[in-house]
């Protein structure tokens, strides 16, 4: 949560636009219980993960061919360390990373999954091809 807030504040301070996506939440009302497993089971029944993931909020994926052609894989070198803005984990020296045409870098798996859902760079909204 803290890294996410730092990212948003840093993005806004650099003059970039942010767009918030509406997320669904479920509030369960029932008898007071200390059995956390029961609460987790009830929450899972209220909204399934697959139902949540299948709703793409109108986003369009980038084409597989553009991802293969336009993303450049490389090893992170000294001075290039930063956080992957998809998973918010550090891209340390020696990590395998992917660079988008807009020059932003991410873990290869992270940006690959991101581009299967959205054709925009998660930082600057550079548009990858959709057809």
C-alpha atoms as a PDB file:
ATOM      1  CA  UNK A   1       0.000   0.000   0.000  1.00  0.00           C
ATOM      2  CA  UNK A   2       2.811   2.363   0.963  1.00  0.00           C
ATOM      3  CA  UNK A   3       4.713   1.759  -2.311  1.00  0.00           C
ATOM      4  CA  UNK A   4       1.523   2.319  -4.273  1.00  0.00           C
ATOM      5  CA  UNK A   5       0.979   5.675  -2.605  1.00  0.00           C
ATOM      6  CA  UNK A   6       4.608   6.682  -3.254  1.00  0.00           C
ATOM      7  CA  UNK A   7       4.170   5.742  -6.920  1.00  0.00           C
ATOM      8  CA  UNK A   8       0.966   7.761  -7.314  1.00  0.00           C
ATOM      9  CA  UNK A   9       2.411  10.809  -5.547  1.00  0.00           C
ATOM     10  CA  UNK A  10       5.602  10.608  -7.629  1.00  0.00           C
ATOM     11  CA  UNK A  11       3.629  10.227 -10.851  1.00  0.00           C
ATOM     12  CA  UNK A  12       1.412  13.204 -10.051  1.00  0.00           C
ATOM     13  CA  UNK A  13       4.388  15.353  -9.009  1.00  0.00           C
ATOM     14  CA  UNK A  14       5.993  14.736 -12.431  1.00  0.00           C
ATOM     15  CA  UNK A  15       2.861  16.055 -14.136  1.00  0.00           C
ATOM     16  CA  UNK A  16       1.478  12.728 -15.352  1.00  0.00           C
ATOM     17  CA  UNK A  17      -2.220  11.947 -15.378  1.00  0.00           C
ATOM     18  CA  UNK A  18      -3.554   9.047 -13.311  1.00  0.00           C
ATOM     19  CA  UNK A  19      -6.823   7.231 -13.862  1.00  0.00           C
ATOM     20  CA  UNK A  20      -8.360   5.230 -11.043  1.00  0.00           C
ATOM     21  CA  UNK A  21     -10.183   2.006 -11.783  1.00  0.00           C
ATOM     22  CA  UNK A  22     -13.259   1.128  -9.783  1.00  0.00           C
ATOM     23  CA  UNK A  23     -12.722  -2.010  -7.749  1.00  0.00           C
ATOM     24  CA  UNK A  24     -15.466  -4.120  -6.319  1.00  0.00           C
ATOM     25  CA  UNK A  25     -15.591  -4.832  -2.626  1.00  0.00           C
ATOM     26  CA  UNK A  26     -17.838  -6.973  -0.503  1.00  0.00           C
ATOM     27  CA  UNK A  27     -18.903  -6.180   3.037  1.00  0.00           C
ATOM     28  CA  UNK A  28     -20.253  -9.136   4.945  1.00  0.00           C
ATOM     29  CA  UNK A  29     -22.737  -8.538   7.715  1.00  0.00           C
ATOM     30  CA  UNK A  30     -23.500 -11.345  10.100  1.00  0.00           C
ATOM     31  CA  UNK A  31     -22.969 -12.680  13.566  1.00  0.00           C
ATOM     32  CA  UNK A  32     -19.761 -11.633  15.264  1.00  0.00           C
ATOM     33  CA  UNK A  33     -17.190 -14.383  14.864  1.00  0.00           C
ATOM     34  CA  UNK A  34     -13.491 -14.849  15.412  1.00  0.00           C
ATOM     35  CA  UNK A  35     -13.242 -17.682  12.899  1.00  0.00           C
ATOM     36  CA  UNK A  36     -11.267 -16.029  10.105  1.00  0.00           C
ATOM     37  CA  UNK A  37     -11.529 -19.121   7.885  1.00  0.00           C
ATOM     38  CA  UNK A  38     -15.332 -18.824   7.870  1.00  0.00           C
ATOM     39  CA  UNK A  39     -15.095 -15.180   6.889  1.00  0.00           C
ATOM     40  CA  UNK A  40     -12.670 -15.979   4.074  1.00  0.00           C
ATOM     41  CA  UNK A  41     -14.954 -18.726   2.755  1.00  0.00           C
ATOM     42  CA  UNK A  42     -17.961 -16.382   2.807  1.00  0.00           C
ATOM     43  CA  UNK A  43     -16.005 -13.687   0.972  1.00  0.00           C
ATOM     44  CA  UNK A  44     -14.883 -16.179  -1.658  1.00  0.00           C
ATOM     45  CA  UNK A  45     -18.487 -17.181  -2.243  1.00  0.00           C
ATOM     46  CA  UNK A  46     -19.604 -13.553  -2.515  1.00  0.00           C
ATOM     47  CA  UNK A  47     -17.381 -12.821  -5.509  1.00  0.00           C
ATOM     48  CA  UNK A  48     -15.166 -15.337  -7.197  1.00  0.00           C
ATOM     49  CA  UNK A  49     -11.695 -14.431  -8.333  1.00  0.00           C
ATOM     50  CA  UNK A  50     -12.393 -15.615 -11.871  1.00  0.00           C
ATOM     51  CA  UNK A  51     -15.472 -13.365 -12.060  1.00  0.00           C
ATOM     52  CA  UNK A  52     -13.396 -10.386 -10.926  1.00  0.00           C
ATOM     53  CA  UNK A  53     -10.535 -11.123 -13.354  1.00  0.00           C
ATOM     54  CA  UNK A  54     -12.889 -11.657 -16.310  1.00  0.00           C
ATOM     55  CA  UNK A  55     -14.222  -8.112 -15.995  1.00  0.00           C
ATOM     56  CA  UNK A  56     -11.594  -6.075 -17.849  1.00  0.00           C
ATOM     57  CA  UNK A  57     -13.313  -2.689 -17.362  1.00  0.00           C
ATOM     58  CA  UNK A  58     -13.270  -1.956 -21.101  1.00  0.00           C
ATOM     59  CA  UNK A  59      -9.490  -2.346 -21.448  1.00  0.00           C
ATOM     60  CA  UNK A  60      -8.071  -3.707 -24.694  1.00  0.00           C
ATOM     61  CA  UNK A  61      -5.002  -5.959 -24.804  1.00  0.00           C
ATOM     62  CA  UNK A  62      -1.918  -5.199 -26.877  1.00  0.00           C
ATOM     63  CA  UNK A  63      -1.310  -7.591 -29.767  1.00  0.00           C
ATOM     64  CA  UNK A  64       1.075 -10.471 -29.075  1.00  0.00           C
ATOM     65  CA  UNK A  65       3.123  -9.575 -32.147  1.00  0.00           C
ATOM     66  CA  UNK A  66       3.621  -5.969 -30.991  1.00  0.00           C
ATOM     67  CA  UNK A  67       4.676  -7.149 -27.537  1.00  0.00           C
ATOM     68  CA  UNK A  68       7.249  -9.522 -29.071  1.00  0.00           C
ATOM     69  CA  UNK A  69       8.549  -6.878 -31.509  1.00  0.00           C
ATOM     70  CA  UNK A  70       8.460  -3.751 -29.369  1.00  0.00           C
ATOM     71  CA  UNK A  71       9.536  -4.930 -25.894  1.00  0.00           C
ATOM     72  CA  UNK A  72      13.296  -5.223 -25.506  1.00  0.00           C
ATOM     73  CA  UNK A  73      14.622  -7.678 -22.930  1.00  0.00           C
ATOM     74  CA  UNK A  74      17.840  -6.822 -21.078  1.00  0.00           C
ATOM     75  CA  UNK A  75      19.716  -7.302 -17.807  1.00  0.00           C
ATOM     76  CA  UNK A  76      19.439  -4.419 -15.341  1.00  0.00           C
ATOM     77  CA  UNK A  77      22.813  -2.730 -14.848  1.00  0.00           C
ATOM     78  CA  UNK A  78      24.131  -0.519 -12.069  1.00  0.00           C
ATOM     79  CA  UNK A  79      22.321   2.829 -12.135  1.00  0.00           C
ATOM     80  CA  UNK A  80      19.184   1.392 -13.761  1.00  0.00           C
ATOM     81  CA  UNK A  81      17.725  -0.031 -10.530  1.00  0.00           C
ATOM     82  CA  UNK A  82      14.191   1.059  -9.790  1.00  0.00           C
ATOM     83  CA  UNK A  83      10.861  -0.473  -8.833  1.00  0.00           C
ATOM     84  CA  UNK A  84       8.708  -2.384 -11.307  1.00  0.00           C
ATOM     85  CA  UNK A  85       5.547  -0.274 -11.316  1.00  0.00           C
ATOM     86  CA  UNK A  86       3.349  -3.310 -11.962  1.00  0.00           C
ATOM     87  CA  UNK A  87       4.308  -5.464  -8.956  1.00  0.00           C
ATOM     88  CA  UNK A  88       6.112  -2.695  -7.022  1.00  0.00           C
ATOM     89  CA  UNK A  89       9.128  -4.952  -6.381  1.00  0.00           C
ATOM     90  CA  UNK A  90      12.692  -3.774  -6.989  1.00  0.00           C
ATOM     91  CA  UNK A  91      14.414  -4.318 -10.332  1.00  0.00           C
ATOM     92  CA  UNK A  92      17.864  -5.008  -8.952  1.00  0.00           C
ATOM     93  CA  UNK A  93      21.181  -5.268 -10.775  1.00  0.00           C
ATOM     94  CA  UNK A  94      21.311  -8.465 -12.822  1.00  0.00           C
ATOM     95  CA  UNK A  95      17.524  -8.909 -13.025  1.00  0.00           C
ATOM     96  CA  UNK A  96      16.017  -9.765 -16.405  1.00  0.00           C
ATOM     97  CA  UNK A  97      13.744  -6.856 -17.380  1.00  0.00           C
ATOM     98  CA  UNK A  98      11.767  -5.571 -20.354  1.00  0.00           C
ATOM     99  CA  UNK A  99      11.905  -2.039 -21.749  1.00  0.00           C
ATOM    100  CA  UNK A 100       8.849  -0.602 -23.476  1.00  0.00           C
ATOM    101  CA  UNK A 101       9.234   1.716 -26.492  1.00  0.00           C
ATOM    102  CA  UNK A 102       8.582   4.658 -24.132  1.00  0.00           C
ATOM    103  CA  UNK A 103      11.745   3.588 -22.196  1.00  0.00           C
ATOM    104  CA  UNK A 104       9.972   2.479 -19.001  1.00  0.00           C
ATOM    105  CA  UNK A 105      11.258  -0.811 -17.587  1.00  0.00           C
ATOM    106  CA  UNK A 106       9.447  -3.628 -15.799  1.00  0.00           C
ATOM    107  CA  UNK A 107       9.888  -7.289 -14.893  1.00  0.00           C
ATOM    108  CA  UNK A 108       9.279  -9.185 -18.138  1.00  0.00           C
ATOM    109  CA  UNK A 109       6.482 -11.331 -16.698  1.00  0.00           C
ATOM    110  CA  UNK A 110       4.791  -8.342 -15.055  1.00  0.00           C
ATOM    111  CA  UNK A 111       4.583  -6.186 -18.174  1.00  0.00           C
ATOM    112  CA  UNK A 112       3.644  -9.231 -20.261  1.00  0.00           C
ATOM    113  CA  UNK A 113       0.619  -9.918 -18.044  1.00  0.00           C
ATOM    114  CA  UNK A 114      -0.229  -6.205 -17.942  1.00  0.00           C
ATOM    115  CA  UNK A 115      -0.252  -5.936 -21.735  1.00  0.00           C
ATOM    116  CA  UNK A 116      -2.583  -8.943 -21.967  1.00  0.00           C
ATOM    117  CA  UNK A 117      -5.129  -6.761 -20.157  1.00  0.00           C
ATOM    118  CA  UNK A 118      -4.292  -3.227 -21.309  1.00  0.00           C
ATOM    119  CA  UNK A 119      -2.381  -1.787 -24.264  1.00  0.00           C
ATOM    120  CA  UNK A 120      -1.208   1.253 -22.261  1.00  0.00           C
ATOM    121  CA  UNK A 121       2.107   1.700 -20.447  1.00  0.00           C
ATOM    122  CA  UNK A 122       1.229   1.667 -16.727  1.00  0.00           C
ATOM    123  CA  UNK A 123       3.348   4.799 -16.189  1.00  0.00           C
ATOM    124  CA  UNK A 124       2.908   7.166 -19.147  1.00  0.00           C
ATOM    125  CA  UNK A 125       0.004   5.559 -21.058  1.00  0.00           C
ATOM    126  CA  UNK A 126       2.077   4.997 -24.229  1.00  0.00           C
ATOM    127  CA  UNK A 127      -0.230   3.016 -26.523  1.00  0.00           C
ATOM    128  CA  UNK A 128       0.811  -0.341 -27.905  1.00  0.00           C
ATOM    129  CA  UNK A 129      -0.995  -1.571 -31.075  1.00  0.00           C
ATOM    130  CA  UNK A 130      -4.326  -3.354 -30.519  1.00  0.00           C
ATOM    131  CA  UNK A 131      -4.995  -4.837 -34.001  1.00  0.00           C
END
